[in-house]
Amino acid sequence: MGIPLFKGTEVERLRLAGLAAAGTLAHVAGKLQPGVATADIDAWVREDTARRGGTPSQLGYKGFPATVCTSRNHVVCHGIPRPDEHLKPGDIVNVDVTTCLDGFHGDTSATFLIGEVSSDAKHVVDVARRCRDAGVAVVRHGARLGDIGAAVMALAKAEGCSVVEEFGGHGIGRQMHGPPHVSHVGKAGTGITLRSGMVITIEPMVNLGRPDIRMMPDGWTVVTADGSLSAQFEHTVLVTRDGCEVLTPSELSLHIPGGC
């Protein structure tokens, strides 16, 4: 399957979808606090996405039962919101929002620190955010896909963390998931050549311990094999002639106040 190149009004529709997803993530961030159930986050995403005129892309995708992924502590990705799972001081939680608006998708996530967290938690969240930004920074027309993984992997390794290999970013546009697969481990100068008009997600999953993962019995929830903390950040990115454009821009406060 070919990788689509977007232009003109398609790019504007992608911008609007990205802004809608980023807006919903910011809305949720403003409501997080200790005691919130992850099912509450699902309800907020459902309501805010509808308010913005969109639909939650994740709901029903390959049978996924929720509108958002909520991944706490050692959960790497695809955590399913539950009414009996509550945020506690010391937790970290990734909230992953994907919005379909006018036939186009925008995908973004961030990991939040709930109340007072450990130095390890602060470290892995900070490294994950910087790894995403390092991957974004190398995107431009003519770059190679492997440049992204090489940049992410080098930073994570330098900070004593590891990068999950089994999951990565993806092409996005009229489909939530399409080609190419964007690995967050790789060798610079390898892989397909990026071209202006491509739209991809960059979403490294960074573990405090080893990169190994395991799947839980629900068939969705992925956790670190060694029980270590994991964090993730994600942007949807448009490749341009002189670099890239982040389609899911946001200014988020990652530290959520809260006592014991």
C-alpha atoms as a PDB file:
ATOM      1  CA  MET A   1       0.000   0.000   0.000  1.00  0.00           C
ATOM      2  CA  GLY A   2       1.349   3.421  -0.930  1.00  0.00           C
ATOM      3  CA  ILE A   3       1.925   6.226   1.523  1.00  0.00           C
ATOM      4  CA  PRO A   4      -0.417   9.143   0.789  1.00  0.00           C
ATOM      5  CA  LEU A   5       0.885  12.667   0.246  1.00  0.00           C
ATOM      6  CA  PHE A   6      -1.515  15.342   1.449  1.00  0.00           C
ATOM      7  CA  LYS A   7      -1.849  18.856   0.088  1.00  0.00           C
ATOM      8  CA  GLY A   8      -4.161  21.840  -0.114  1.00  0.00           C
ATOM      9  CA  THR A   9      -7.495  21.494   1.642  1.00  0.00           C
ATOM     10  CA  GLU A  10      -6.531  18.031   2.884  1.00  0.00           C
ATOM     11  CA  VAL A  11      -3.753  19.555   4.969  1.00  0.00           C
ATOM     12  CA  GLU A  12      -6.142  22.110   6.420  1.00  0.00           C
ATOM     13  CA  ARG A  13      -8.579  19.347   7.395  1.00  0.00           C
ATOM     14  CA  LEU A  14      -5.705  17.435   8.995  1.00  0.00           C
ATOM     15  CA  ARG A  15      -4.777  20.563  10.955  1.00  0.00           C
ATOM     16  CA  LEU A  16      -8.324  20.873  12.246  1.00  0.00           C
ATOM     17  CA  ALA A  17      -8.450  17.207  13.269  1.00  0.00           C
ATOM     18  CA  GLY A  18      -5.102  17.553  15.038  1.00  0.00           C
ATOM     19  CA  LEU A  19      -6.222  20.660  16.863  1.00  0.00           C
ATOM     20  CA  ALA A  20      -9.425  18.922  17.948  1.00  0.00           C
ATOM     21  CA  ALA A  21      -7.491  15.980  19.404  1.00  0.00           C
ATOM     22  CA  ALA A  22      -5.027  18.313  21.136  1.00  0.00           C
ATOM     23  CA  GLY A  23      -7.906  20.368  22.503  1.00  0.00           C
ATOM     24  CA  THR A  24      -9.600  17.316  23.970  1.00  0.00           C
ATOM     25  CA  LEU A  25      -6.342  16.177  25.574  1.00  0.00           C
ATOM     26  CA  ALA A  26      -5.932  19.627  27.135  1.00  0.00           C
ATOM     27  CA  HIS A  27      -9.536  19.532  28.357  1.00  0.00           C
ATOM     28  CA  VAL A  28      -8.917  16.199  30.079  1.00  0.00           C
ATOM     29  CA  ALA A  29      -5.628  17.435  31.558  1.00  0.00           C
ATOM     30  CA  GLY A  30      -7.498  20.262  33.252  1.00  0.00           C
ATOM     31  CA  LYS A  31      -9.812  17.788  35.018  1.00  0.00           C
ATOM     32  CA  LEU A  32      -7.287  15.221  36.259  1.00  0.00           C
ATOM     33  CA  GLN A  33      -6.785  14.850  39.999  1.00  0.00           C
ATOM     34  CA  PRO A  34      -6.278  12.071  42.546  1.00  0.00           C
ATOM     35  CA  GLY A  35      -9.407   9.973  42.901  1.00  0.00           C
ATOM     36  CA  VAL A  36     -10.482  10.297  39.267  1.00  0.00           C
ATOM     37  CA  ALA A  37     -11.435   6.959  37.721  1.00  0.00           C
ATOM     38  CA  THR A  38      -9.963   6.177  34.321  1.00  0.00           C
ATOM     39  CA  ALA A  39     -13.578   5.577  33.214  1.00  0.00           C
ATOM     40  CA  ASP A  40     -14.180   9.281  33.974  1.00  0.00           C
ATOM     41  CA  ILE A  41     -11.439  10.136  31.483  1.00  0.00           C
ATOM     42  CA  ASP A  42     -13.222   8.027  28.885  1.00  0.00           C
ATOM     43  CA  ALA A  43     -16.466   9.917  29.510  1.00  0.00           C
ATOM     44  CA  TRP A  44     -14.726  13.302  29.281  1.00  0.00           C
ATOM     45  CA  VAL A  45     -13.093  12.353  25.982  1.00  0.00           C
ATOM     46  CA  ARG A  46     -16.410  11.136  24.595  1.00  0.00           C
ATOM     47  CA  GLU A  47     -18.189  14.348  25.589  1.00  0.00           C
ATOM     48  CA  ASP A  48     -15.492  16.794  24.521  1.00  0.00           C
ATOM     49  CA  THR A  49     -14.875  15.081  21.189  1.00  0.00           C
ATOM     50  CA  ALA A  50     -18.585  15.357  20.378  1.00  0.00           C
ATOM     51  CA  ARG A  51     -18.606  18.998  21.463  1.00  0.00           C
ATOM     52  CA  ARG A  52     -15.863  19.697  18.915  1.00  0.00           C
ATOM     53  CA  GLY A  53     -17.845  18.011  16.155  1.00  0.00           C
ATOM     54  CA  GLY A  54     -15.713  14.872  15.988  1.00  0.00           C
ATOM     55  CA  THR A  55     -15.887  11.212  16.826  1.00  0.00           C
ATOM     56  CA  PRO A  56     -13.376   9.196  18.901  1.00  0.00           C
ATOM     57  CA  SER A  57     -11.323   7.193  16.396  1.00  0.00           C
ATOM     58  CA  GLN A  58     -10.308   4.513  18.896  1.00  0.00           C
ATOM     59  CA  LEU A  59     -13.818   3.430  19.884  1.00  0.00           C
ATOM     60  CA  GLY A  60     -14.469   0.067  18.229  1.00  0.00           C
ATOM     61  CA  TYR A  61     -11.159   0.021  16.335  1.00  0.00           C
ATOM     62  CA  LYS A  62     -10.404  -3.706  15.966  1.00  0.00           C
ATOM     63  CA  GLY A  63     -12.792  -4.169  18.872  1.00  0.00           C
ATOM     64  CA  PHE A  64     -11.218  -1.666  21.282  1.00  0.00           C
ATOM     65  CA  PRO A  65     -13.950  -0.998  23.871  1.00  0.00           C
ATOM     66  CA  ALA A  66     -13.233   2.635  24.836  1.00  0.00           C
ATOM     67  CA  THR A  67     -12.779   6.121  23.399  1.00  0.00           C
ATOM     68  CA  VAL A  68      -9.296   6.635  24.857  1.00  0.00           C
ATOM     69  CA  CYS A  69      -6.301   4.671  26.121  1.00  0.00           C
ATOM     70  CA  THR A  70      -5.353   5.314  29.747  1.00  0.00           C
ATOM     71  CA  SER A  71      -2.020   3.704  30.649  1.00  0.00           C
ATOM     72  CA  ARG A  72      -0.865   3.934  34.286  1.00  0.00           C
ATOM     73  CA  ASN A  73       2.588   3.350  35.734  1.00  0.00           C
ATOM     74  CA  HIS A  74       3.944   0.081  34.268  1.00  0.00           C
ATOM     75  CA  VAL A  75       1.316  -0.016  31.485  1.00  0.00           C
ATOM     76  CA  VAL A  76       3.122   0.715  28.225  1.00  0.00           C
ATOM     77  CA  CYS A  77       0.082   1.334  26.008  1.00  0.00           C
ATOM     78  CA  HIS A  78      -3.551   0.478  25.245  1.00  0.00           C
ATOM     79  CA  GLY A  79      -4.755   0.593  28.827  1.00  0.00           C
ATOM     80  CA  ILE A  80      -8.554   0.239  28.946  1.00  0.00           C
ATOM     81  CA  PRO A  81     -10.411   2.773  31.155  1.00  0.00           C
ATOM     82  CA  ARG A  82     -12.243   1.198  34.090  1.00  0.00           C
ATOM     83  CA  PRO A  83     -14.626   2.517  36.746  1.00  0.00           C
ATOM     84  CA  ASP A  84     -12.661   0.710  39.470  1.00  0.00           C
ATOM     85  CA  GLU A  85      -9.250   2.108  38.495  1.00  0.00           C
ATOM     86  CA  HIS A  86      -8.567   5.396  40.273  1.00  0.00           C
ATOM     87  CA  LEU A  87      -5.625   7.762  39.981  1.00  0.00           C
ATOM     88  CA  LYS A  88      -3.547   8.008  43.136  1.00  0.00           C
ATOM     89  CA  PRO A  89      -0.826  10.406  44.265  1.00  0.00           C
ATOM     90  CA  GLY A  90       2.455   9.085  42.918  1.00  0.00           C
ATOM     91  CA  ASP A  91       0.926   7.658  39.736  1.00  0.00           C
ATOM     92  CA  ILE A  92       1.877   8.544  36.203  1.00  0.00           C
ATOM     93  CA  VAL A  93      -0.780   8.096  33.505  1.00  0.00           C
ATOM     94  CA  ASN A  94      -0.680   8.404  29.754  1.00  0.00           C
ATOM     95  CA  VAL A  95      -3.834   9.663  28.064  1.00  0.00           C
ATOM     96  CA  ASP A  96      -3.965   8.886  24.324  1.00  0.00           C
ATOM     97  CA  VAL A  97      -6.618  10.750  22.296  1.00  0.00           C
ATOM     98  CA  THR A  98      -7.451  10.244  18.625  1.00  0.00           C
ATOM     99  CA  THR A  99     -10.159  12.328  16.953  1.00  0.00           C
ATOM    100  CA  CYS A 100     -11.827  11.883  13.576  1.00  0.00           C
ATOM    101  CA  LEU A 101     -13.093  15.197  12.212  1.00  0.00           C
ATOM    102  CA  ASP A 102     -14.484  15.666   8.711  1.00  0.00           C
ATOM    103  CA  GLY A 103     -12.978  12.372   7.588  1.00  0.00           C
ATOM    104  CA  PHE A 104      -9.440  12.970   8.894  1.00  0.00           C
ATOM    105  CA  HIS A 105      -7.699  11.811  12.071  1.00  0.00           C
ATOM    106  CA  GLY A 106      -5.503  13.551  14.637  1.00  0.00           C
ATOM    107  CA  ASP A 107      -3.612  11.553  17.281  1.00  0.00           C
ATOM    108  CA  THR A 108      -1.826  12.799  20.393  1.00  0.00           C
ATOM    109  CA  SER A 109      -0.921  11.716  23.909  1.00  0.00           C
ATOM    110  CA  ALA A 110       0.872  12.875  27.034  1.00  0.00           C
ATOM    111  CA  THR A 111       1.888  11.353  30.349  1.00  0.00           C
ATOM    112  CA  PHE A 112       0.822  13.171  33.492  1.00  0.00           C
ATOM    113  CA  LEU A 113       2.277  13.076  37.000  1.00  0.00           C
ATOM    114  CA  ILE A 114      -0.369  12.807  39.715  1.00  0.00           C
ATOM    115  CA  GLY A 115       0.527  14.592  42.944  1.00  0.00           C
ATOM    116  CA  GLU A 116       3.981  14.021  44.387  1.00  0.00           C
ATOM    117  CA  VAL A 117       5.786  11.397  42.337  1.00  0.00           C
ATOM    118  CA  SER A 118       9.136   9.661  42.677  1.00  0.00           C
ATOM    119  CA  SER A 119      12.319  10.923  41.059  1.00  0.00           C
ATOM    120  CA  ASP A 120      12.202   7.837  38.817  1.00  0.00           C
ATOM    121  CA  ALA A 121       8.719   8.773  37.634  1.00  0.00           C
ATOM    122  CA  LYS A 122       9.803  12.333  36.894  1.00  0.00           C
ATOM    123  CA  HIS A 123      12.805  11.027  35.012  1.00  0.00           C
ATOM    124  CA  VAL A 124      11.020   8.597  32.720  1.00  0.00           C
ATOM    125  CA  VAL A 125       8.296  11.133  31.898  1.00  0.00           C
ATOM    126  CA  ASP A 126      10.861  13.815  31.087  1.00  0.00           C
ATOM    127  CA  VAL A 127      12.907  11.431  28.936  1.00  0.00           C
ATOM    128  CA  ALA A 128       9.826  10.245  27.031  1.00  0.00           C
ATOM    129  CA  ARG A 129       8.805  13.810  26.233  1.00  0.00           C
ATOM    130  CA  ARG A 130      12.295  14.700  25.059  1.00  0.00           C
ATOM    131  CA  CYS A 131      12.516  11.500  23.010  1.00  0.00           C
ATOM    132  CA  ARG A 132       9.346  12.461  21.146  1.00  0.00           C
ATOM    133  CA  ASP A 133      10.749  15.919  20.507  1.00  0.00           C
ATOM    134  CA  ALA A 134      14.076  14.461  19.345  1.00  0.00           C
ATOM    135  CA  GLY A 135      12.224  12.323  16.831  1.00  0.00           C
ATOM    136  CA  VAL A 136      10.166  15.275  15.596  1.00  0.00           C
ATOM    137  CA  ALA A 137      13.292  17.408  15.235  1.00  0.00           C
ATOM    138  CA  VAL A 138      14.816  15.211  12.506  1.00  0.00           C
ATOM    139  CA  VAL A 139      11.687  15.080  10.323  1.00  0.00           C
ATOM    140  CA  ARG A 140      12.028  16.865   6.989  1.00  0.00           C
ATOM    141  CA  HIS A 141      11.670  16.206   3.271  1.00  0.00           C
ATOM    142  CA  GLY A 142      14.541  13.928   2.258  1.00  0.00           C
ATOM    143  CA  ALA A 143      15.229  12.515   5.722  1.00  0.00           C
ATOM    144  CA  ARG A 144      15.096   8.754   6.225  1.00  0.00           C
ATOM    145  CA  LEU A 145      12.619   6.979   8.447  1.00  0.00           C
ATOM    146  CA  GLY A 146      15.458   5.380  10.413  1.00  0.00           C
ATOM    147  CA  ASP A 147      16.674   8.837  11.429  1.00  0.00           C
ATOM    148  CA  ILE A 148      13.676   9.111  13.769  1.00  0.00           C
ATOM    149  CA  GLY A 149      14.360   5.859  15.609  1.00  0.00           C
ATOM    150  CA  ALA A 150      18.073   6.598  15.816  1.00  0.00           C
ATOM    151  CA  ALA A 151      17.448   9.988  17.450  1.00  0.00           C
ATOM    152  CA  VAL A 152      14.941   8.570  19.938  1.00  0.00           C
ATOM    153  CA  MET A 153      17.090   5.574  20.832  1.00  0.00           C
ATOM    154  CA  ALA A 154      20.262   7.620  21.334  1.00  0.00           C
ATOM    155  CA  LEU A 155      18.590   9.989  23.793  1.00  0.00           C
ATOM    156  CA  ALA A 156      16.851   7.243  25.759  1.00  0.00           C
ATOM    157  CA  LYS A 157      20.067   5.241  26.058  1.00  0.00           C
ATOM    158  CA  ALA A 158      22.044   8.292  27.179  1.00  0.00           C
ATOM    159  CA  GLU A 159      19.478   8.812  29.950  1.00  0.00           C
ATOM    160  CA  GLY A 160      19.564   5.205  31.145  1.00  0.00           C
ATOM    161  CA  CYS A 161      16.170   4.290  29.711  1.00  0.00           C
ATOM    162  CA  SER A 162      15.010   1.893  27.004  1.00  0.00           C
ATOM    163  CA  VAL A 163      12.611   2.138  24.058  1.00  0.00           C
ATOM    164  CA  VAL A 164       9.866  -0.386  23.301  1.00  0.00           C
ATOM    165  CA  GLU A 165      10.529  -2.009  19.930  1.00  0.00           C
ATOM    166  CA  GLU A 166       7.262  -3.862  19.246  1.00  0.00           C
ATOM    167  CA  PHE A 167       5.107  -0.735  18.933  1.00  0.00           C
ATOM    168  CA  GLY A 168       5.723   2.521  17.100  1.00  0.00           C
ATOM    169  CA  GLY A 169       4.200   5.386  15.219  1.00  0.00           C
ATOM    170  CA  HIS A 170       2.273   5.146  11.976  1.00  0.00           C
ATOM    171  CA  GLY A 171       0.941   6.965   8.997  1.00  0.00           C
ATOM    172  CA  ILE A 172      -2.302   8.806   9.607  1.00  0.00           C
ATOM    173  CA  GLY A 173      -4.806  10.805   7.590  1.00  0.00           C
ATOM    174  CA  ARG A 174      -8.038   9.411   6.217  1.00  0.00           C
ATOM    175  CA  GLN A 175      -7.154   6.278   8.203  1.00  0.00           C
ATOM    176  CA  MET A 176      -6.227   6.270  11.876  1.00  0.00           C
ATOM    177  CA  HIS A 177      -3.454   3.747  11.188  1.00  0.00           C
ATOM    178  CA  GLY A 178      -1.744   3.418   7.817  1.00  0.00           C
ATOM    179  CA  PRO A 179       1.725   3.099   6.326  1.00  0.00           C
ATOM    180  CA  PRO A 180       4.494   3.642   7.132  1.00  0.00           C
ATOM    181  CA  HIS A 181       5.293   1.985  10.446  1.00  0.00           C
ATOM    182  CA  VAL A 182       7.464   4.448  12.394  1.00  0.00           C
ATOM    183  CA  SER A 183       9.917   2.541  14.556  1.00  0.00           C
ATOM    184  CA  HIS A 184      11.420   4.364  17.516  1.00  0.00           C
ATOM    185  CA  VAL A 185      14.557   2.277  17.339  1.00  0.00           C
ATOM    186  CA  GLY A 186      16.641   2.353  14.193  1.00  0.00           C
ATOM    187  CA  LYS A 187      19.743   3.298  12.297  1.00  0.00           C
ATOM    188  CA  ALA A 188      20.210   6.753  10.789  1.00  0.00           C
ATOM    189  CA  GLY A 189      20.226   6.824   6.998  1.00  0.00           C
ATOM    190  CA  THR A 190      18.061   3.713   6.606  1.00  0.00           C
ATOM    191  CA  GLY A 191      14.409   3.172   5.778  1.00  0.00           C
ATOM    192  CA  ILE A 192      12.142   4.962   3.350  1.00  0.00           C
ATOM    193  CA  THR A 193      12.782   8.565   2.380  1.00  0.00           C
ATOM    194  CA  LEU A 194      10.335  11.031   3.896  1.00  0.00           C
ATOM    195  CA  ARG A 195       8.534  13.257   1.414  1.00  0.00           C
ATOM    196  CA  SER A 196       6.717  16.539   1.821  1.00  0.00           C
ATOM    197  CA  GLY A 197       3.028  15.853   2.398  1.00  0.00           C
ATOM    198  CA  MET A 198       3.464  12.664   4.407  1.00  0.00           C
ATOM    199  CA  VAL A 199       1.747  12.647   7.797  1.00  0.00           C
ATOM    200  CA  ILE A 200       3.010  10.371  10.579  1.00  0.00           C
ATOM    201  CA  THR A 201       2.809   9.996  14.327  1.00  0.00           C
ATOM    202  CA  ILE A 202       5.876  10.011  16.548  1.00  0.00           C
ATOM    203  CA  GLU A 203       5.071   8.339  19.865  1.00  0.00           C
ATOM    204  CA  PRO A 204       7.991   6.628  21.607  1.00  0.00           C
ATOM    205  CA  MET A 205       7.195   4.385  24.570  1.00  0.00           C
ATOM    206  CA  VAL A 206      10.079   4.741  27.013  1.00  0.00           C
ATOM    207  CA  ASN A 207      10.706   2.334  29.884  1.00  0.00           C
ATOM    208  CA  LEU A 208      12.676   3.020  33.028  1.00  0.00           C
ATOM    209  CA  GLY A 209      13.907  -0.569  32.979  1.00  0.00           C
ATOM    210  CA  ARG A 210      14.276  -3.053  30.159  1.00  0.00           C
ATOM    211  CA  PRO A 211      12.410  -2.690  26.845  1.00  0.00           C
ATOM    212  CA  ASP A 212      10.699  -6.085  27.132  1.00  0.00           C
ATOM    213  CA  ILE A 213       6.896  -6.130  27.284  1.00  0.00           C
ATOM    214  CA  ARG A 214       4.063  -8.594  27.778  1.00  0.00           C
ATOM    215  CA  MET A 215       0.390  -8.638  26.818  1.00  0.00           C
ATOM    216  CA  MET A 216      -2.286  -8.921  29.478  1.00  0.00           C
ATOM    217  CA  PRO A 217      -5.165 -11.434  29.169  1.00  0.00           C
ATOM    218  CA  ASP A 218      -7.590  -8.743  27.898  1.00  0.00           C
ATOM    219  CA  GLY A 219      -5.670  -8.789  24.613  1.00  0.00           C
ATOM    220  CA  TRP A 220      -5.076  -5.023  24.669  1.00  0.00           C
ATOM    221  CA  THR A 221      -3.177  -3.875  27.744  1.00  0.00           C
ATOM    222  CA  VAL A 222       0.599  -3.980  27.268  1.00  0.00           C
ATOM    223  CA  VAL A 223       2.853  -3.799  30.355  1.00  0.00           C
ATOM    224  CA  THR A 224       6.578  -3.765  31.024  1.00  0.00           C
ATOM    225  CA  ALA A 225       7.867  -7.295  31.583  1.00  0.00           C
ATOM    226  CA  ASP A 226       9.951  -6.215  34.576  1.00  0.00           C
ATOM    227  CA  GLY A 227       7.250  -4.035  36.169  1.00  0.00           C
ATOM    228  CA  SER A 228       9.207  -0.819  35.624  1.00  0.00           C
ATOM    229  CA  LEU A 229       7.547   2.510  34.858  1.00  0.00           C
ATOM    230  CA  SER A 230       6.764   3.451  31.263  1.00  0.00           C
ATOM    231  CA  ALA A 231       5.874   6.828  29.724  1.00  0.00           C
ATOM    232  CA  GLN A 232       4.852   8.039  26.289  1.00  0.00           C
ATOM    233  CA  PHE A 233       4.232  11.265  24.387  1.00  0.00           C
ATOM    234  CA  GLU A 234       2.817  11.598  20.884  1.00  0.00           C
ATOM    235  CA  HIS A 235       2.384  14.157  18.132  1.00  0.00           C
ATOM    236  CA  THR A 236       0.910  13.968  14.654  1.00  0.00           C
ATOM    237  CA  VAL A 237       3.450  15.508  12.270  1.00  0.00           C
ATOM    238  CA  LEU A 238       3.273  16.769   8.665  1.00  0.00           C
ATOM    239  CA  VAL A 239       6.498  16.473   6.656  1.00  0.00           C
ATOM    240  CA  THR A 240       7.338  19.743   4.889  1.00  0.00           C
ATOM    241  CA  ARG A 241      10.052  20.911   2.519  1.00  0.00           C
ATOM    242  CA  ASP A 242      11.981  22.720   5.240  1.00  0.00           C
ATOM    243  CA  GLY A 243      11.184  20.512   8.227  1.00  0.00           C
ATOM    244  CA  CYS A 244       7.835  19.559   9.663  1.00  0.00           C
ATOM    245  CA  GLU A 245       4.645  20.946  11.157  1.00  0.00           C
ATOM    246  CA  VAL A 246       3.270  19.546  14.417  1.00  0.00           C
ATOM    247  CA  LEU A 247      -0.465  19.152  13.817  1.00  0.00           C
ATOM    248  CA  THR A 248      -1.287  18.481  17.485  1.00  0.00           C
ATOM    249  CA  PRO A 249       0.326  21.484  19.227  1.00  0.00           C
ATOM    250  CA  SER A 250      -0.496  22.039  22.882  1.00  0.00           C
ATOM    251  CA  GLU A 251       0.819  23.590  26.053  1.00  0.00           C
ATOM    252  CA  LEU A 252       0.067  21.113  28.812  1.00  0.00           C
ATOM    253  CA  SER A 253       0.818  21.209  32.508  1.00  0.00           C
ATOM    254  CA  LEU A 254       2.040  17.681  33.199  1.00  0.00           C
ATOM    255  CA  HIS A 255       2.111  18.003  36.996  1.00  0.00           C
ATOM    256  CA  ILE A 256      -1.332  17.446  38.487  1.00  0.00           C
ATOM    257  CA  PRO A 257      -1.558  18.777  42.060  1.00  0.00           C
ATOM    258  CA  GLY A 258      -2.842  16.467  44.730  1.00  0.00           C
ATOM    259  CA  GLY A 259      -2.072  15.238  48.205  1.00  0.00           C
ATOM    260  CA  CYS A 260      -2.392  11.861  49.828  1.00  0.00           C
END
